[in-house]
Protein backbone atom coordinates (compact mmCIF):
# COMPACT_ATOMS: atom_id res chain seq x y z
CA MET A 1 79.81 64.40 -31.35
CA THR A 2 82.80 62.44 -30.04
CA ARG A 3 80.60 59.42 -29.31
CA GLU A 4 79.15 59.49 -32.84
CA LYS A 5 82.65 59.78 -34.27
CA ASN A 6 83.81 56.78 -32.24
CA LYS A 7 80.83 54.74 -33.45
CA LEU A 8 81.62 55.70 -37.04
CA GLU A 9 85.24 54.64 -36.63
CA GLU A 10 84.12 51.36 -35.09
CA LEU A 11 81.80 50.64 -38.02
CA LYS A 12 84.61 51.46 -40.47
CA LYS A 13 86.89 49.07 -38.63
CA GLU A 14 84.29 46.31 -38.73
CA ASN A 15 83.65 46.90 -42.44
CA LYS A 16 87.39 46.67 -43.11
CA GLU A 17 87.53 43.38 -41.23
CA LYS A 18 84.62 42.15 -43.33
CA GLU A 19 86.52 42.91 -46.53
CA ASN A 20 89.75 41.26 -45.41
CA ASN A 21 88.45 38.19 -43.62
CA ASP A 22 85.95 35.40 -44.03
CA TYR A 23 83.18 35.78 -41.50
CA GLU A 24 79.80 34.39 -40.65
CA VAL A 25 76.85 36.77 -40.25
CA ARG A 26 74.59 35.72 -37.41
CA GLU A 27 71.27 37.44 -36.67
CA ILE A 28 70.56 37.21 -32.94
CA ALA A 29 68.25 38.34 -30.17
CA ALA A 30 70.81 37.41 -27.50
CA ALA A 31 74.12 35.62 -27.08
CA ILE A 32 76.68 34.64 -24.46
CA LEU A 33 80.18 34.59 -25.95
CA ASN A 34 83.12 32.46 -24.79
CA ASP A 35 84.90 35.51 -23.32
CA GLY A 36 81.95 36.25 -21.03
CA THR A 37 80.39 38.92 -23.22
CA ILE A 38 76.60 39.19 -22.88
CA ILE A 39 74.73 40.51 -25.92
CA GLU A 40 71.07 41.50 -25.84
CA MET A 41 69.00 43.02 -28.61
CA LEU A 42 67.34 46.41 -28.16
CA TYR A 43 64.31 47.71 -30.04
CA ASP A 44 63.24 51.36 -30.19
CA SER A 45 59.69 51.28 -31.57
CA ASN A 46 59.52 55.09 -31.84
CA LYS A 47 62.54 55.21 -34.17
CA SER A 48 61.94 51.73 -35.62
CA GLU A 49 65.55 50.79 -34.89
CA THR A 50 67.25 47.73 -33.46
CA SER A 51 70.71 47.56 -31.93
CA LEU A 52 72.82 45.42 -29.62
CA ALA A 53 73.65 46.07 -25.98
CA VAL A 54 77.06 44.47 -25.46
CA CYS A 55 78.26 43.96 -21.89
CA LEU A 56 81.73 42.73 -20.88
CA ASN A 57 83.06 42.99 -17.32
CA GLY A 58 80.35 45.50 -16.42
CA ASN A 59 81.09 47.81 -19.36
CA ILE A 60 78.09 48.31 -21.66
CA GLU A 61 78.21 49.46 -25.27
CA ILE A 62 75.33 50.05 -27.67
CA LYS A 63 76.34 48.85 -31.13
CA LYS A 64 74.82 48.13 -34.51
CA THR A 65 76.89 44.96 -34.90
CA HIS A 66 79.50 43.06 -32.91
CA LEU A 67 82.35 41.13 -34.51
CA HIS A 68 83.90 38.31 -32.47
CA GLU A 69 86.14 35.47 -33.63
CA GLY A 70 85.01 35.59 -37.25
CA ILE A 71 81.31 35.92 -36.48
CA LEU A 72 79.45 39.18 -37.11
CA TYR A 73 76.54 39.41 -34.70
CA MET A 74 73.70 41.68 -35.73
CA PRO A 75 70.18 42.35 -34.41
CA HIS A 76 67.00 41.27 -36.14
CA SER A 77 65.55 43.77 -38.59
CA PRO A 78 63.11 46.30 -37.09
CA GLU A 79 60.90 45.68 -40.13
CA LYS A 80 60.04 42.17 -39.00
CA GLY A 81 56.38 41.77 -38.17
CA LEU A 82 57.28 39.97 -34.95
CA LEU A 83 58.69 43.27 -33.68
CA ARG A 84 56.34 45.76 -35.34
CA ASN A 85 53.26 43.86 -34.22
CA ARG A 86 54.56 43.42 -30.66
CA THR A 87 54.58 39.62 -30.86
CA ILE A 88 57.97 39.72 -29.12
CA LEU A 89 58.96 42.52 -26.75
CA PHE A 90 62.44 43.84 -26.06
CA PRO A 91 64.01 46.52 -23.87
CA SER A 92 65.09 49.74 -25.57
CA PHE A 93 68.05 50.65 -23.35
CA PRO A 94 69.61 49.34 -20.10
CA GLU A 95 68.41 51.56 -17.25
CA GLU A 96 69.59 51.91 -13.64
CA TYR A 97 67.27 50.18 -11.14
CA GLY A 98 68.85 50.92 -7.74
CA THR A 99 68.81 47.91 -5.42
CA ARG A 100 67.31 44.50 -6.04
CA GLU A 101 64.67 45.28 -3.42
CA GLU A 102 63.71 48.47 -5.26
CA LEU A 103 63.48 46.56 -8.53
CA ILE A 104 61.20 43.90 -7.04
CA LYS A 105 59.04 46.66 -5.57
CA ASP A 106 58.71 48.30 -9.01
CA ILE A 107 57.72 44.98 -10.62
CA ALA A 108 55.21 44.19 -7.86
CA SER A 109 53.63 47.66 -8.07
CA PHE A 110 53.24 47.32 -11.83
CA ILE A 111 51.61 43.88 -11.58
CA LYS A 112 49.28 44.94 -8.78
CA LYS A 113 48.24 48.06 -10.71
CA TYR A 114 46.92 46.04 -13.64
CA LEU A 115 46.10 42.56 -12.32
CA SER A 116 43.95 40.96 -9.63
CA VAL A 117 45.61 37.89 -8.13
CA SER A 118 45.99 36.48 -4.63
CA PRO A 119 48.48 38.18 -2.25
CA PHE A 120 50.82 35.18 -2.62
CA PHE A 121 50.78 35.45 -6.40
CA GLU A 122 51.42 39.19 -6.29
CA LYS A 123 54.74 38.32 -4.67
CA ILE A 124 55.66 35.14 -6.54
CA THR A 125 54.92 36.62 -9.98
CA SER A 126 57.27 39.51 -9.26
CA PHE A 127 60.10 37.14 -8.46
CA TYR A 128 59.22 34.95 -11.43
CA ALA A 129 59.58 37.95 -13.76
CA LEU A 130 62.96 38.70 -12.18
CA PHE A 131 63.95 35.03 -12.42
CA SER A 132 63.10 34.91 -16.12
CA TRP A 133 65.92 37.39 -16.89
CA ILE A 134 68.54 35.02 -15.44
CA HIS A 135 66.74 31.70 -15.95
CA ASP A 136 69.64 30.38 -18.03
CA ASP A 137 71.78 30.27 -14.88
CA PHE A 138 69.78 27.14 -13.98
CA ASN A 139 69.12 23.76 -15.59
CA GLU A 140 65.42 23.50 -14.70
CA LEU A 141 62.58 25.92 -14.10
CA PRO A 142 58.85 26.00 -13.26
CA TYR A 143 55.98 27.43 -15.31
CA LEU A 144 53.40 29.99 -14.17
CA ARG A 145 49.79 29.16 -14.99
CA ALA A 146 46.43 30.89 -14.81
CA LEU A 147 43.64 28.31 -14.49
CA GLY A 148 40.01 29.20 -15.12
CA ASP A 149 37.11 29.47 -17.52
CA TYR A 150 36.42 32.27 -19.99
CA GLY A 151 36.16 35.72 -18.44
CA THR A 152 38.19 34.99 -15.30
CA GLY A 153 41.13 37.22 -16.19
CA LYS A 154 43.55 34.73 -17.73
CA SER A 155 44.40 36.97 -20.69
CA ARG A 156 45.09 39.91 -18.37
CA PHE A 157 47.33 37.58 -16.33
CA LEU A 158 49.39 36.71 -19.43
CA LYS A 159 49.57 40.28 -20.70
CA THR A 160 50.54 41.92 -17.42
CA ILE A 161 53.14 39.46 -16.16
CA GLY A 162 54.38 38.53 -19.62
CA SER A 163 55.16 42.14 -20.54
CA VAL A 164 57.91 42.33 -17.92
CA CYS A 165 59.40 38.87 -18.42
CA TYR A 166 62.53 38.18 -20.45
CA CYS A 167 61.93 38.47 -24.22
CA PRO A 168 58.19 37.65 -23.98
CA ILE A 169 56.77 35.80 -26.99
CA PHE A 170 53.00 36.29 -27.30
CA THR A 171 51.45 33.49 -29.34
CA SER A 172 47.79 34.61 -29.44
CA GLY A 173 48.03 35.29 -33.17
CA ALA A 174 49.35 31.84 -34.08
CA THR A 175 46.96 29.60 -36.01
CA THR A 176 49.28 26.58 -35.87
CA ILE A 177 52.04 25.43 -33.56
CA SER A 178 54.81 25.32 -36.22
CA PRO A 179 55.94 28.98 -36.00
CA ILE A 180 56.19 28.72 -32.22
CA PHE A 181 58.94 26.11 -32.47
CA ARG A 182 60.95 28.35 -34.80
CA ILE A 183 60.43 31.48 -32.70
CA LEU A 184 61.55 29.69 -29.53
CA GLU A 185 64.64 28.42 -31.34
CA ASP A 186 65.54 31.87 -32.70
CA PHE A 187 64.67 34.09 -29.71
CA ARG A 188 64.96 31.83 -26.62
CA GLY A 189 62.50 33.96 -24.68
CA THR A 190 59.50 33.54 -22.36
CA LEU A 191 56.61 31.74 -24.05
CA ILE A 192 53.21 33.34 -23.36
CA LEU A 193 50.62 30.72 -24.25
CA ASP A 194 46.82 30.73 -24.07
CA GLU A 195 45.59 27.25 -24.93
CA ALA A 196 42.19 28.68 -25.88
CA ASP A 197 43.90 29.77 -29.11
CA PHE A 198 44.69 26.15 -29.99
CA GLU A 199 41.54 24.04 -29.98
CA LEU A 200 42.64 21.09 -32.15
CA SER A 201 43.70 18.00 -30.23
CA SER A 202 46.69 17.52 -32.54
CA THR A 203 47.89 21.02 -31.69
CA THR A 204 47.37 20.39 -27.98
CA ALA A 205 49.62 17.33 -28.28
CA GLU A 206 52.35 19.52 -29.81
CA ILE A 207 51.97 22.05 -27.00
CA VAL A 208 52.36 19.25 -24.45
CA LYS A 209 55.63 18.27 -26.17
CA ILE A 210 56.92 21.81 -25.70
CA LEU A 211 55.86 21.87 -22.05
CA ASN A 212 57.25 18.42 -21.29
CA SER A 213 60.66 19.33 -22.73
CA GLY A 214 60.86 23.06 -22.06
CA PHE A 215 61.37 22.94 -18.31
CA MET A 216 64.88 21.45 -18.58
CA LYS A 217 68.01 22.37 -20.55
CA ASP A 218 69.23 20.12 -23.34
CA MET A 219 65.84 18.49 -23.98
CA PRO A 220 65.05 19.67 -27.52
CA VAL A 221 61.96 18.71 -29.47
CA LEU A 222 62.59 16.83 -32.73
CA ARG A 223 60.37 17.56 -35.73
CA SER A 224 60.31 16.46 -39.35
CA GLU A 225 60.17 19.34 -41.82
CA ALA A 226 59.83 19.24 -45.60
CA ASN A 227 62.83 20.28 -47.68
CA ASN A 228 63.22 21.32 -51.33
CA ARG A 229 64.16 17.75 -52.30
CA LYS A 230 60.58 16.59 -51.66
CA SER A 231 61.65 14.70 -48.57
CA PHE A 232 61.93 15.48 -44.88
CA ASP A 233 64.72 16.65 -42.60
CA VAL A 234 64.77 16.03 -38.87
CA LYS A 235 65.28 19.31 -37.04
CA SER A 236 65.97 19.95 -33.38
CA PHE A 237 64.29 22.86 -31.59
CA ASN A 238 65.41 24.30 -28.27
CA VAL A 239 62.26 24.97 -26.23
CA PHE A 240 63.86 25.58 -22.82
CA GLY A 241 62.76 28.75 -21.09
CA PRO A 242 60.18 30.39 -18.81
CA LYS A 243 56.53 29.96 -19.76
CA LEU A 244 53.29 31.65 -18.78
CA ILE A 245 50.27 29.51 -19.58
CA ALA A 246 46.50 29.95 -19.44
CA THR A 247 44.32 26.83 -19.42
CA ARG A 248 40.70 26.03 -18.66
CA GLU A 249 41.41 22.54 -17.34
CA LEU A 250 44.14 20.56 -15.65
CA TYR A 251 46.46 18.37 -17.71
CA LYS A 252 46.07 14.61 -17.60
CA ASP A 253 49.82 14.22 -17.24
CA SER A 254 50.59 14.43 -13.52
CA ALA A 255 54.27 15.09 -14.23
CA LEU A 256 53.38 18.10 -16.36
CA GLU A 257 50.94 19.34 -13.73
CA SER A 258 53.68 19.27 -11.10
CA ARG A 259 55.76 21.76 -13.12
CA MET A 260 53.08 24.45 -12.80
CA ILE A 261 52.77 27.13 -10.16
CA THR A 262 49.05 27.71 -10.57
CA GLU A 263 46.66 30.52 -9.72
CA ASP A 264 42.99 29.53 -9.90
CA MET A 265 41.54 32.66 -11.47
CA SER A 266 37.96 31.52 -10.83
CA LEU A 267 38.57 32.21 -7.12
CA ILE A 268 39.78 35.78 -7.75
CA SER A 269 37.45 38.77 -7.84
CA ARG A 270 38.54 41.73 -9.93
CA ARG A 271 39.37 44.74 -7.81
CA GLU A 272 37.26 47.82 -8.49
CA ASP A 273 40.32 49.99 -9.11
CA ILE A 274 41.36 47.84 -12.08
CA LYS A 275 39.94 48.96 -15.42
CA GLU A 276 38.58 46.48 -17.96
CA SER A 277 40.78 47.96 -20.70
CA MET A 278 44.52 48.54 -20.55
CA PRO A 279 45.38 52.28 -20.43
CA ASN A 280 47.59 53.85 -23.10
CA ASP A 281 50.59 54.15 -20.78
CA PHE A 282 50.68 50.42 -19.97
CA ASP A 283 53.23 49.65 -22.69
CA ASP A 284 55.51 52.52 -21.65
CA GLU A 285 55.45 51.40 -18.01
CA ALA A 286 56.22 47.81 -19.00
CA LEU A 287 59.10 48.98 -21.22
CA ALA A 288 60.60 51.00 -18.36
CA ILE A 289 60.66 47.87 -16.19
CA ARG A 290 62.13 45.72 -18.97
CA ASN A 291 64.91 48.30 -19.35
CA LYS A 292 65.71 48.00 -15.65
CA LEU A 293 65.59 44.22 -15.81
CA LEU A 294 68.06 44.26 -18.69
CA MET A 295 70.54 46.07 -16.44
CA PHE A 296 69.78 43.48 -13.76
CA ARG A 297 70.67 40.71 -16.23
CA PHE A 298 73.96 42.39 -17.13
CA ARG A 299 74.90 42.68 -13.45
CA GLU A 300 73.70 39.36 -12.08
CA LYS A 301 73.85 36.87 -14.97
CA GLY A 302 76.12 34.03 -13.98
CA ILE A 303 76.30 34.69 -10.25
CA HIS A 304 73.23 32.73 -9.15
CA LYS A 305 73.59 29.12 -8.05
CA LEU A 306 71.08 26.52 -6.99
CA ASN A 307 70.52 26.77 -3.23
CA TYR A 308 70.25 23.13 -2.13
CA GLY A 309 69.70 24.31 1.42
CA LEU A 310 66.13 25.21 0.40
CA ARG A 311 65.34 21.62 -0.60
CA ASN A 312 62.24 20.39 1.24
CA PRO A 313 62.35 16.70 2.25
CA ASN A 314 58.59 16.75 2.87
CA ILE A 315 57.66 17.13 -0.80
CA GLU A 316 58.24 14.99 -3.87
CA SER A 317 61.57 15.31 -5.67
CA ARG A 318 59.84 16.57 -8.81
CA LEU A 319 58.46 19.57 -6.92
CA ASN A 320 61.89 20.28 -5.46
CA GLN A 321 63.38 20.06 -8.93
CA ILE A 322 61.23 22.81 -10.44
CA SER A 323 60.88 25.04 -7.38
CA LEU A 324 64.51 25.28 -6.21
CA PRO A 325 65.71 27.45 -9.14
CA LEU A 326 63.02 30.07 -8.54
CA MET A 327 63.46 29.93 -4.77
CA SER A 328 67.22 30.43 -5.22
CA VAL A 329 66.63 34.00 -6.43
CA ILE A 330 64.06 34.87 -3.76
CA TYR A 331 65.81 36.82 -1.03
CA ASP A 332 62.63 37.64 0.96
CA LEU A 333 62.30 35.15 3.83
CA GLU A 334 58.56 35.78 4.13
CA VAL A 335 58.00 34.93 0.47
CA LEU A 336 60.19 31.83 0.84
CA ALA A 337 58.06 30.68 3.78
CA GLU A 338 54.88 31.22 1.76
CA MET A 339 56.39 29.33 -1.16
CA LYS A 340 57.29 26.43 1.11
CA LYS A 341 53.71 26.33 2.45
CA TYR A 342 52.29 26.46 -1.08
CA LEU A 343 54.48 23.54 -2.19
CA GLU A 344 53.62 21.40 0.84
CA GLU A 345 49.89 21.99 0.33
CA TYR A 346 50.26 21.22 -3.37
CA ASN A 347 52.21 18.06 -2.55
CA THR A 348 49.36 16.90 -0.29
CA LYS A 349 46.84 17.71 -3.00
CA ILE A 350 48.79 15.65 -5.54
CA LYS A 351 48.72 12.62 -3.25
CA ASN A 352 45.03 13.02 -2.41
CA ASP A 353 44.02 13.59 -6.02
CA ARG A 354 45.81 10.64 -7.54
CA THR A 355 43.03 8.16 -6.89
CA LEU A 356 40.31 10.69 -7.67
CA GLY A 357 42.27 11.80 -10.72
CA TYR A 358 42.33 8.31 -12.20
CA ARG A 359 38.64 7.86 -11.51
CA TYR A 360 37.74 11.15 -13.20
CA GLN A 361 40.05 10.66 -16.18
CA ILE A 362 38.81 7.12 -16.87
CA LEU A 363 35.19 8.25 -16.62
CA GLU A 364 35.96 11.22 -18.87
CA SER A 365 37.45 8.86 -21.46
CA ILE A 366 34.32 6.68 -21.38
CA CYS A 367 32.02 9.70 -21.74
CA LYS A 368 34.09 11.01 -24.62
CA LEU A 369 33.64 7.74 -26.50
CA ILE A 370 29.89 7.79 -25.81
CA ASP A 371 29.64 11.38 -27.08
CA GLU A 372 31.56 10.46 -30.23
CA GLY A 373 28.88 7.85 -30.99
CA TRP A 374 30.61 4.62 -30.04
CA VAL A 375 27.96 1.97 -29.33
CA ARG A 376 30.37 -0.78 -28.32
CA ILE A 377 33.04 0.46 -25.95
CA THR A 378 35.88 -1.94 -25.37
CA ILE A 379 38.51 -1.70 -22.68
CA LYS A 380 41.05 -1.09 -25.44
CA ASN A 381 38.99 1.89 -26.71
CA ILE A 382 38.99 3.39 -23.22
CA THR A 383 42.71 2.69 -22.76
CA ASP A 384 43.65 4.38 -26.04
CA THR A 385 41.57 7.46 -25.20
CA PHE A 386 42.93 7.64 -21.65
CA ASN A 387 46.56 7.39 -22.84
CA THR A 388 46.26 10.28 -25.30
CA ASP A 389 48.91 12.96 -24.56
CA LEU A 390 50.34 10.99 -21.62
CA ARG A 391 53.99 10.09 -21.29
CA ILE A 392 54.73 6.41 -21.88
CA ALA A 393 55.58 6.02 -18.19
CA ASP A 394 52.10 7.25 -17.19
CA GLN A 395 50.11 5.21 -19.72
CA LYS A 396 47.99 2.20 -18.73
CA SER A 397 47.69 -1.19 -20.41
CA PRO A 398 44.24 -2.62 -21.24
CA LYS A 399 44.70 -5.13 -18.43
CA GLN A 400 45.42 -2.36 -15.92
CA MET A 401 42.53 -0.31 -17.28
CA GLY A 402 40.09 -3.18 -16.89
CA PHE A 403 41.12 -3.57 -13.26
CA LEU A 404 40.74 0.20 -12.59
CA ILE A 405 37.33 0.34 -14.29
CA ARG A 406 35.99 -2.48 -12.18
CA ARG A 407 37.70 -1.38 -8.94
CA MET A 408 37.31 2.41 -9.06
CA LEU A 409 34.10 2.92 -11.05
CA ASP A 410 32.42 -0.40 -10.18
CA LEU A 411 31.45 -0.91 -13.83
CA LYS A 412 30.78 -4.34 -15.29
CA THR A 413 32.65 -5.80 -18.26
CA GLU A 414 32.15 -8.89 -20.39
CA LYS A 415 34.24 -10.79 -22.89
CA THR A 416 33.47 -10.28 -26.59
CA ARG A 417 35.19 -11.25 -29.82
CA ASP A 418 36.87 -7.81 -29.74
CA GLY A 419 38.08 -8.22 -26.19
CA TYR A 420 36.48 -7.11 -22.93
CA ALA A 421 33.81 -4.41 -23.25
CA LEU A 422 31.42 -2.49 -21.00
CA THR A 423 28.06 -4.16 -20.54
CA GLU A 424 24.72 -2.58 -21.42
CA ASP A 425 23.55 -2.25 -17.81
CA ASN A 426 26.35 0.25 -17.03
CA LYS A 427 24.52 3.04 -18.88
CA GLU A 428 22.50 4.40 -15.95
CA LYS A 429 25.44 4.24 -13.56
CA ILE A 430 27.68 6.11 -16.04
CA GLU A 431 25.11 8.91 -16.34
CA ILE A 432 24.93 9.21 -12.55
CA LEU A 433 28.72 9.36 -12.28
CA ARG A 434 28.84 11.83 -15.14
CA LYS A 435 26.58 14.26 -13.30
CA ARG A 436 28.47 13.76 -10.03
CA TYR A 437 31.81 14.68 -11.63
CA GLY A 438 30.40 17.44 -13.82
CA ILE A 439 31.47 15.93 -17.15
CA LYS A 440 29.51 17.73 -19.87
CA ASN A 441 27.81 15.99 -22.77
CA GLU A 442 29.67 17.13 -25.89
CA ASN A 443 26.77 16.34 -28.28
CA ASN A 444 23.08 17.11 -28.15
CA ASP A 445 22.26 13.57 -29.27
CA VAL A 446 24.61 10.98 -27.80
CA ASN A 447 22.80 8.21 -29.70
CA ILE A 448 24.18 9.35 -33.07
CA VAL A 449 26.70 6.76 -34.18
CA ASN A 450 29.93 7.98 -35.77
CA ASP A 451 30.36 6.34 -39.17
CA VAL A 452 34.07 6.01 -38.43
CA ASN A 453 33.22 3.57 -35.66
CA VAL A 454 30.50 1.62 -37.45
CA SER A 455 31.23 1.16 -41.14
CA SER A 456 28.74 -1.55 -42.10
CA ASN A 457 25.55 -3.30 -41.07
CA GLU A 458 27.62 -6.38 -40.38
CA SER A 459 29.70 -4.57 -37.77
CA LYS A 460 26.52 -3.24 -36.14
CA GLU A 461 25.20 -6.76 -35.69
CA GLN A 462 28.38 -7.70 -33.82
CA GLU A 463 28.17 -4.79 -31.39
CA ILE A 464 26.81 -4.89 -27.91
CA PRO A 465 24.22 -2.10 -27.49
CA PHE A 466 25.23 0.56 -25.04
């Protein structure tokens, strides 16, 4: 009764301050105030209520609103579909977790109960979930990725690990990329992304923008949005934060690839003790862990620093950049040793794959043009296709592309009025290379010519048959 009375008095005091002062109302999911106060939103789905957990100097209060320096902070409405439909998950109350070792053990047990991954990933995913709750102590971070075809367990990977990460944002219901930018700006949580939900190439390009900017603080994405004046405003979206990603293929961008800690799900067999369907108590178990991790955030936010002593001189600086933050919260020496081994093996793979990667990507670009119906393929056509979604620094010029095509694929080119193009006698060699590298034919009839590429009989006469 006393606690309820105190809360009532506090609300009366805040309402009085509202009447007597100008203030700004700010709807938040989380905030760090200039006096060190940490605010996190709570959501009780059983009562359909939201509130704020306010922590200052280790003291935690549960409040409906929090007034600070003329700003009234309040939680998002529990009636929002993002909450009711479990698009974004929150803790319901900060719970005691014991020691950090006990907390990691609880996370690892939960992940192992519902997900089949390699022994290394059982450990690293547990620490990644922990890391996500204090990720804003660092300026960079890595992404976790599940790689594999349909039916390899990628969705289970996202659901299981994502449910215990900080403010997980599940995007499987999104039909376009636009709402994801706004949600990331408003909630600043962990993005859970399955690229199978976004098949359009234009959407994929937008996703790549998020991934290329979201690993580092202060690298917002700029977008033009229509306003009520029938013009456009440039808006800046903060996309920094942890990300769990499921893809069927590797990215062309080597820099983006290097930011991923990847589990190849096609190499993992589902354990017999894991059911195909999630049991009813999955959500309750995940909530219990999120509640403990909220307490962890209140206790350890701001105390973690980058451990430069873990920097590995044997790997590329980019790998050190994204791995050091995560490694700085790993206290287990065995896991650190495994992480070091993983990074060194990945570093070797990057070096070995660079030449092969160019060869495959160039051939893939050529095959794509063939499948789209192009009958005259110029070096410029191949260059433009190859450069799609790549950073400017990684793009190739037509001159460079011509050299790579002749040197790496041993294909012949000849000069035409449209520039250098592939010759007709390359066709058989391309088909052999296509089979060797496993590049599928996207069309049943590759001889169908796209009318976008050939618009008149005159242009057909100018083309070199291919």
